[in-house]
C-alpha atoms as a PDB file:
ATOM      1  CA  UNK A   1      35.375 -30.579   5.422  1.00  0.00           C
ATOM      2  CA  UNK A   2      34.238 -27.730   7.935  1.00  0.00           C
ATOM      3  CA  UNK A   3      33.278 -25.815   4.712  1.00  0.00           C
ATOM      4  CA  UNK A   4      31.060 -28.666   3.299  1.00  0.00           C
ATOM      5  CA  UNK A   5      29.410 -29.458   6.655  1.00  0.00           C
ATOM      6  CA  UNK A   6      27.411 -26.306   5.949  1.00  0.00           C
ATOM      7  CA  UNK A   7      26.610 -27.275   2.102  1.00  0.00           C
ATOM      8  CA  UNK A   8      25.243 -31.076   3.393  1.00  0.00           C
ATOM      9  CA  UNK A   9      23.411 -29.492   6.001  1.00  0.00           C
ATOM     10  CA  UNK A  10      21.781 -26.998   3.293  1.00  0.00           C
ATOM     11  CA  UNK A  11      21.659 -30.003   1.296  1.00  0.00           C
ATOM     12  CA  UNK A  12      19.637 -31.961   3.528  1.00  0.00           C
ATOM     13  CA  UNK A  13      17.360 -29.065   4.261  1.00  0.00           C
ATOM     14  CA  UNK A  14      16.322 -28.225   0.582  1.00  0.00           C
ATOM     15  CA  UNK A  15      15.320 -32.310   0.301  1.00  0.00           C
ATOM     16  CA  UNK A  16      13.224 -31.914   3.313  1.00  0.00           C
ATOM     17  CA  UNK A  17      11.628 -29.272   1.463  1.00  0.00           C
ATOM     18  CA  UNK A  18      10.782 -30.751  -1.533  1.00  0.00           C
ATOM     19  CA  UNK A  19      10.218 -34.455   0.003  1.00  0.00           C
ATOM     20  CA  UNK A  20       9.016 -33.822   3.351  1.00  0.00           C
ATOM     21  CA  UNK A  21       5.776 -34.007   5.311  1.00  0.00           C
ATOM     22  CA  UNK A  22       4.313 -30.220   5.270  1.00  0.00           C
ATOM     23  CA  UNK A  23       5.512 -29.743   8.808  1.00  0.00           C
ATOM     24  CA  UNK A  24       8.683 -30.883   7.988  1.00  0.00           C
ATOM     25  CA  UNK A  25       8.958 -28.791   4.920  1.00  0.00           C
ATOM     26  CA  UNK A  26       8.631 -25.135   6.450  1.00  0.00           C
ATOM     27  CA  UNK A  27      10.774 -26.128   8.857  1.00  0.00           C
ATOM     28  CA  UNK A  28      13.390 -26.535   6.519  1.00  0.00           C
ATOM     29  CA  UNK A  29      12.307 -23.341   4.526  1.00  0.00           C
ATOM     30  CA  UNK A  30      12.281 -21.263   8.057  1.00  0.00           C
ATOM     31  CA  UNK A  31      15.669 -22.854   8.479  1.00  0.00           C
ATOM     32  CA  UNK A  32      16.842 -21.747   4.952  1.00  0.00           C
ATOM     33  CA  UNK A  33      16.179 -18.586   5.683  1.00  0.00           C
ATOM     34  CA  UNK A  34      17.720 -18.200   9.170  1.00  0.00           C
ATOM     35  CA  UNK A  35      21.109 -19.584   7.815  1.00  0.00           C
ATOM     36  CA  UNK A  36      20.727 -16.993   5.004  1.00  0.00           C
ATOM     37  CA  UNK A  37      21.170 -19.148   2.265  1.00  0.00           C
ATOM     38  CA  UNK A  38      20.981 -17.253  -0.456  1.00  0.00           C
ATOM     39  CA  UNK A  39      22.252 -20.296  -3.205  1.00  0.00           C
ATOM     40  CA  UNK A  40      18.941 -21.992  -2.220  1.00  0.00           C
ATOM     41  CA  UNK A  41      16.567 -19.134  -3.403  1.00  0.00           C
ATOM     42  CA  UNK A  42      15.262 -21.086  -6.591  1.00  0.00           C
ATOM     43  CA  UNK A  43      14.374 -23.949  -3.968  1.00  0.00           C
ATOM     44  CA  UNK A  44      12.396 -21.246  -1.640  1.00  0.00           C
ATOM     45  CA  UNK A  45      10.749 -19.856  -5.084  1.00  0.00           C
ATOM     46  CA  UNK A  46       9.957 -23.436  -6.210  1.00  0.00           C
ATOM     47  CA  UNK A  47       8.036 -24.068  -2.693  1.00  0.00           C
ATOM     48  CA  UNK A  48       5.990 -20.932  -3.166  1.00  0.00           C
ATOM     49  CA  UNK A  49       4.128 -23.838  -5.756  1.00  0.00           C
ATOM     50  CA  UNK A  50       3.631 -26.581  -2.818  1.00  0.00           C
ATOM     51  CA  UNK A  51      -0.165 -27.510  -2.272  1.00  0.00           C
ATOM     52  CA  UNK A  52       0.426 -26.905   1.583  1.00  0.00           C
ATOM     53  CA  UNK A  53      -0.158 -23.008   2.486  1.00  0.00           C
ATOM     54  CA  UNK A  54       2.054 -23.790   5.743  1.00  0.00           C
ATOM     55  CA  UNK A  55       5.106 -24.570   3.424  1.00  0.00           C
ATOM     56  CA  UNK A  56       4.279 -21.736   0.873  1.00  0.00           C
ATOM     57  CA  UNK A  57       4.323 -19.100   3.429  1.00  0.00           C
ATOM     58  CA  UNK A  58       6.945 -20.389   5.347  1.00  0.00           C
ATOM     59  CA  UNK A  59       9.031 -20.341   1.972  1.00  0.00           C
ATOM     60  CA  UNK A  60       7.772 -16.690   1.588  1.00  0.00           C
ATOM     61  CA  UNK A  61       9.123 -15.495   5.419  1.00  0.00           C
ATOM     62  CA  UNK A  62      12.602 -17.069   4.291  1.00  0.00           C
ATOM     63  CA  UNK A  63      12.637 -15.193   0.755  1.00  0.00           C
ATOM     64  CA  UNK A  64      11.637 -11.940   2.950  1.00  0.00           C
ATOM     65  CA  UNK A  65      14.894 -13.065   5.296  1.00  0.00           C
ATOM     66  CA  UNK A  66      17.224 -13.546   2.598  1.00  0.00           C
ATOM     67  CA  UNK A  67      16.128 -10.040   0.593  1.00  0.00           C
ATOM     68  CA  UNK A  68      15.565 -12.202  -2.262  1.00  0.00           C
ATOM     69  CA  UNK A  69      14.881  -9.428  -4.714  1.00  0.00           C
ATOM     70  CA  UNK A  70      14.419 -12.501  -7.745  1.00  0.00           C
ATOM     71  CA  UNK A  71      11.950 -13.880  -5.605  1.00  0.00           C
ATOM     72  CA  UNK A  72       9.871 -10.721  -6.430  1.00  0.00           C
ATOM     73  CA  UNK A  73       7.590 -11.374  -8.944  1.00  0.00           C
ATOM     74  CA  UNK A  74       6.994 -15.404  -7.678  1.00  0.00           C
ATOM     75  CA  UNK A  75       6.319 -13.700  -4.261  1.00  0.00           C
ATOM     76  CA  UNK A  76       3.575 -11.113  -6.103  1.00  0.00           C
ATOM     77  CA  UNK A  77       2.162 -13.604  -7.869  1.00  0.00           C
ATOM     78  CA  UNK A  78       1.455 -15.567  -5.093  1.00  0.00           C
ATOM     79  CA  UNK A  79       0.107 -12.863  -3.114  1.00  0.00           C
ATOM     80  CA  UNK A  80      -2.485 -11.878  -6.161  1.00  0.00           C
ATOM     81  CA  UNK A  81      -3.940 -15.193  -5.340  1.00  0.00           C
ATOM     82  CA  UNK A  82      -5.904 -13.543  -2.556  1.00  0.00           C
ATOM     83  CA  UNK A  83      -6.782 -15.797   0.818  1.00  0.00           C
ATOM     84  CA  UNK A  84      -5.165 -17.631   2.464  1.00  0.00           C
ATOM     85  CA  UNK A  85      -1.585 -16.313   0.741  1.00  0.00           C
ATOM     86  CA  UNK A  86      -2.190 -12.441   0.218  1.00  0.00           C
ATOM     87  CA  UNK A  87      -1.982 -11.115   3.784  1.00  0.00           C
ATOM     88  CA  UNK A  88       1.160 -13.598   4.255  1.00  0.00           C
ATOM     89  CA  UNK A  89       3.168 -13.026   1.434  1.00  0.00           C
ATOM     90  CA  UNK A  90       2.572  -9.264   0.493  1.00  0.00           C
ATOM     91  CA  UNK A  91       4.480  -7.922   3.653  1.00  0.00           C
ATOM     92  CA  UNK A  92       7.125 -10.398   2.457  1.00  0.00           C
ATOM     93  CA  UNK A  93       7.337  -8.625  -0.772  1.00  0.00           C
ATOM     94  CA  UNK A  94       7.407  -4.914   0.905  1.00  0.00           C
ATOM     95  CA  UNK A  95      10.270  -6.488   3.168  1.00  0.00           C
ATOM     96  CA  UNK A  96      12.293  -7.136  -0.020  1.00  0.00           C
ATOM     97  CA  UNK A  97      11.396  -3.653  -1.600  1.00  0.00           C
ATOM     98  CA  UNK A  98      12.430  -1.937   1.502  1.00  0.00           C
ATOM     99  CA  UNK A  99      16.061  -3.547   1.090  1.00  0.00           C
ATOM    100  CA  UNK A 100      16.157  -2.264  -2.209  1.00  0.00           C
ATOM    101  CA  UNK A 101      17.826   1.231  -3.376  1.00  0.00           C
ATOM    102  CA  UNK A 102      14.948   3.795  -4.098  1.00  0.00           C
ATOM    103  CA  UNK A 103      15.557   3.870  -7.714  1.00  0.00           C
ATOM    104  CA  UNK A 104      15.230   0.336  -8.094  1.00  0.00           C
ATOM    105  CA  UNK A 105      11.749   0.468  -6.162  1.00  0.00           C
ATOM    106  CA  UNK A 106      10.906   3.399  -8.629  1.00  0.00           C
ATOM    107  CA  UNK A 107      11.671   1.168 -11.270  1.00  0.00           C
ATOM    108  CA  UNK A 108       9.654  -1.469 -10.195  1.00  0.00           C
ATOM    109  CA  UNK A 109       6.790   0.205  -9.663  1.00  0.00           C
ATOM    110  CA  UNK A 110       6.416   0.783 -13.391  1.00  0.00           C
ATOM    111  CA  UNK A 111       6.560  -3.505 -13.682  1.00  0.00           C
ATOM    112  CA  UNK A 112       4.812  -5.323 -16.292  1.00  0.00           C
ATOM    113  CA  UNK A 113       3.435  -7.349 -13.130  1.00  0.00           C
ATOM    114  CA  UNK A 114       0.508  -5.269 -11.394  1.00  0.00           C
ATOM    115  CA  UNK A 115       0.539  -6.833  -7.941  1.00  0.00           C
ATOM    116  CA  UNK A 116       4.700  -5.868  -8.165  1.00  0.00           C
ATOM    117  CA  UNK A 117       3.715  -2.710  -9.669  1.00  0.00           C
ATOM    118  CA  UNK A 118       0.874  -2.203  -6.398  1.00  0.00           C
ATOM    119  CA  UNK A 119       3.501  -3.387  -3.619  1.00  0.00           C
ATOM    120  CA  UNK A 120       6.152  -0.913  -5.254  1.00  0.00           C
ATOM    121  CA  UNK A 121       4.048   1.567  -5.048  1.00  0.00           C
ATOM    122  CA  UNK A 122       3.346   0.829  -1.149  1.00  0.00           C
ATOM    123  CA  UNK A 123       7.232   0.675  -0.584  1.00  0.00           C
ATOM    124  CA  UNK A 124       7.796   4.442  -1.527  1.00  0.00           C
ATOM    125  CA  UNK A 125       4.610   5.418   0.155  1.00  0.00           C
ATOM    126  CA  UNK A 126       6.173   3.696   3.328  1.00  0.00           C
ATOM    127  CA  UNK A 127       9.246   5.601   2.553  1.00  0.00           C
ATOM    128  CA  UNK A 128       7.684   8.521   1.685  1.00  0.00           C
ATOM    129  CA  UNK A 129       6.524   8.642   5.432  1.00  0.00           C
ATOM    130  CA  UNK A 130       9.970   8.807   6.493  1.00  0.00           C
ATOM    131  CA  UNK A 131      11.179  11.788   4.814  1.00  0.00           C
ATOM    132  CA  UNK A 132      10.224  15.739   4.478  1.00  0.00           C
ATOM    133  CA  UNK A 133      11.350  15.376   0.518  1.00  0.00           C
ATOM    134  CA  UNK A 134      11.250  12.966  -1.965  1.00  0.00           C
ATOM    135  CA  UNK A 135      13.193  13.077  -5.071  1.00  0.00           C
ATOM    136  CA  UNK A 136      12.063  14.230  -8.269  1.00  0.00           C
ATOM    137  CA  UNK A 137      11.637  11.196  -9.978  1.00  0.00           C
ATOM    138  CA  UNK A 138       9.617   9.718  -7.440  1.00  0.00           C
ATOM    139  CA  UNK A 139       7.522  12.902  -7.385  1.00  0.00           C
ATOM    140  CA  UNK A 140       7.289  12.389 -10.688  1.00  0.00           C
ATOM    141  CA  UNK A 141       5.833   8.899 -10.886  1.00  0.00           C
ATOM    142  CA  UNK A 142       3.320   9.688  -7.912  1.00  0.00           C
ATOM    143  CA  UNK A 143       1.784  12.458  -9.873  1.00  0.00           C
ATOM    144  CA  UNK A 144       1.912   9.808 -12.873  1.00  0.00           C
ATOM    145  CA  UNK A 145      -0.150   7.218 -10.669  1.00  0.00           C
ATOM    146  CA  UNK A 146      -1.866   8.972  -8.369  1.00  0.00           C
ATOM    147  CA  UNK A 147      -5.032   9.267 -10.897  1.00  0.00           C
ATOM    148  CA  UNK A 148      -4.806   5.378 -11.921  1.00  0.00           C
ATOM    149  CA  UNK A 149      -6.281   2.209  -9.682  1.00  0.00           C
ATOM    150  CA  UNK A 150      -2.431   1.614  -8.654  1.00  0.00           C
ATOM    151  CA  UNK A 151      -1.860   4.733  -6.146  1.00  0.00           C
ATOM    152  CA  UNK A 152      -4.732   3.251  -3.925  1.00  0.00           C
ATOM    153  CA  UNK A 153      -3.993   0.064  -3.586  1.00  0.00           C
ATOM    154  CA  UNK A 154      -3.563  -1.467  -0.165  1.00  0.00           C
ATOM    155  CA  UNK A 155      -2.591   1.987   1.375  1.00  0.00           C
ATOM    156  CA  UNK A 156      -5.306   1.522   4.017  1.00  0.00           C
ATOM    157  CA  UNK A 157      -6.272   5.190   5.298  1.00  0.00           C
ATOM    158  CA  UNK A 158      -3.114   6.512   4.230  1.00  0.00           C
ATOM    159  CA  UNK A 159      -3.217   8.761   1.356  1.00  0.00           C
ATOM    160  CA  UNK A 160      -0.227  10.011  -1.114  1.00  0.00           C
ATOM    161  CA  UNK A 161      -0.499  13.416  -1.495  1.00  0.00           C
ATOM    162  CA  UNK A 162       0.429  15.800  -3.909  1.00  0.00           C
ATOM    163  CA  UNK A 163      -0.349  19.074  -3.194  1.00  0.00           C
ATOM    164  CA  UNK A 164       0.863  21.276  -6.005  1.00  0.00           C
ATOM    165  CA  UNK A 165      -0.133  25.335  -6.433  1.00  0.00           C
ATOM    166  CA  UNK A 166       1.250  27.045  -9.402  1.00  0.00           C
ATOM    167  CA  UNK A 167       0.574  29.786  -7.596  1.00  0.00           C
ATOM    168  CA  UNK A 168       2.601  29.817  -4.674  1.00  0.00           C
ATOM    169  CA  UNK A 169       5.559  27.834  -7.118  1.00  0.00           C
ATOM    170  CA  UNK A 170       5.814  25.120  -4.080  1.00  0.00           C
ATOM    171  CA  UNK A 171       5.138  21.570  -4.592  1.00  0.00           C
ATOM    172  CA  UNK A 172       4.824  18.941  -1.535  1.00  0.00           C
ATOM    173  CA  UNK A 173       4.791  15.007  -1.606  1.00  0.00           C
ATOM    174  CA  UNK A 174       4.208  13.619   1.435  1.00  0.00           C
ATOM    175  CA  UNK A 175       1.927  11.081   3.557  1.00  0.00           C
ATOM    176  CA  UNK A 176      -0.996  12.091   5.680  1.00  0.00           C
ATOM    177  CA  UNK A 177      -3.996  10.775   7.248  1.00  0.00           C
ATOM    178  CA  UNK A 178      -7.276  12.840   7.657  1.00  0.00           C
ATOM    179  CA  UNK A 179      -7.356  15.703  10.642  1.00  0.00           C
ATOM    180  CA  UNK A 180      -3.011  15.959   9.782  1.00  0.00           C
ATOM    181  CA  UNK A 181      -1.960  19.417   8.820  1.00  0.00           C
ATOM    182  CA  UNK A 182       1.066  19.558   5.854  1.00  0.00           C
ATOM    183  CA  UNK A 183       2.731  23.080   5.204  1.00  0.00           C
ATOM    184  CA  UNK A 184       3.056  24.564   1.833  1.00  0.00           C
ATOM    185  CA  UNK A 185       4.531  27.817   0.878  1.00  0.00           C
ATOM    186  CA  UNK A 186       3.598  28.733   4.589  1.00  0.00           C
ATOM    187  CA  UNK A 187      -0.015  28.242   4.445  1.00  0.00           C
ATOM    188  CA  UNK A 188      -1.370  25.221   6.708  1.00  0.00           C
ATOM    189  CA  UNK A 189      -3.685  22.821   4.986  1.00  0.00           C
ATOM    190  CA  UNK A 190      -5.637  20.260   6.869  1.00  0.00           C
ATOM    191  CA  UNK A 191      -6.512  17.093   5.206  1.00  0.00           C
ATOM    192  CA  UNK A 192     -10.089  16.590   5.374  1.00  0.00           C
ATOM    193  CA  UNK A 193     -10.285  13.191   3.537  1.00  0.00           C
ATOM    194  CA  UNK A 194     -11.360  11.958   0.130  1.00  0.00           C
ATOM    195  CA  UNK A 195     -14.486  12.452  -1.487  1.00  0.00           C
ATOM    196  CA  UNK A 196     -15.298   9.759  -3.817  1.00  0.00           C
ATOM    197  CA  UNK A 197     -17.271   9.941  -6.522  1.00  0.00           C
ATOM    198  CA  UNK A 198     -19.062   8.210  -9.287  1.00  0.00           C
ATOM    199  CA  UNK A 199     -20.654   9.819 -13.031  1.00  0.00           C
ATOM    200  CA  UNK A 200     -21.927   7.776 -15.660  1.00  0.00           C
ATOM    201  CA  UNK A 201     -18.368   7.529 -17.257  1.00  0.00           C
ATOM    202  CA  UNK A 202     -16.354   8.683 -14.799  1.00  0.00           C
ATOM    203  CA  UNK A 203     -15.023   7.349 -11.080  1.00  0.00           C
ATOM    204  CA  UNK A 204     -12.933  10.086  -8.827  1.00  0.00           C
ATOM    205  CA  UNK A 205     -11.015  10.118  -6.189  1.00  0.00           C
ATOM    206  CA  UNK A 206     -10.331  14.353  -4.447  1.00  0.00           C
ATOM    207  CA  UNK A 207      -8.170  14.903  -1.069  1.00  0.00           C
ATOM    208  CA  UNK A 208     -10.397  17.808   0.527  1.00  0.00           C
ATOM    209  CA  UNK A 209      -8.323  20.176   2.516  1.00  0.00           C
END
């Protein structure tokens, strides 16, 4: 009977999430997240399609609280719809990604889903802020993606800097902002900013040190 009570309570919350008015449904979604109701992830994912933004956002936050990896693609799809969902849902995707092993996030950075791919790169950039050295697979990923649009998505003024100098035989991968300094093979380089250039058949973004 003791184990049946929580299950009954969760079932009641799911019923309210599905059938209740928006205010009650959003409260139910929040409660499911707070209860750590991992078995109700599918119900919360379904609520991402609710006509009420209040309910969609409550479900997204609950999925973020649960760290539900299988909700990443539905959440990314919702974030890709733009306002009013994007600003609420994107942080929850990042929250889930932050709880995954780095190797898994690197895999997701190659996902077919464009928004999930972009947010995975942002998550890697956040990780890079906290370490002086990145694993080789992350270095390779950032090098490969620096030239495409994904590498610049949603990073604000933070730049993923990949500085390679064959003459110095050293490579540094870090995150920097204009005015900050990075040391490479004993040389101190100050990041001045990004220069954007558009030509007749190309666009480029080049970091100036």
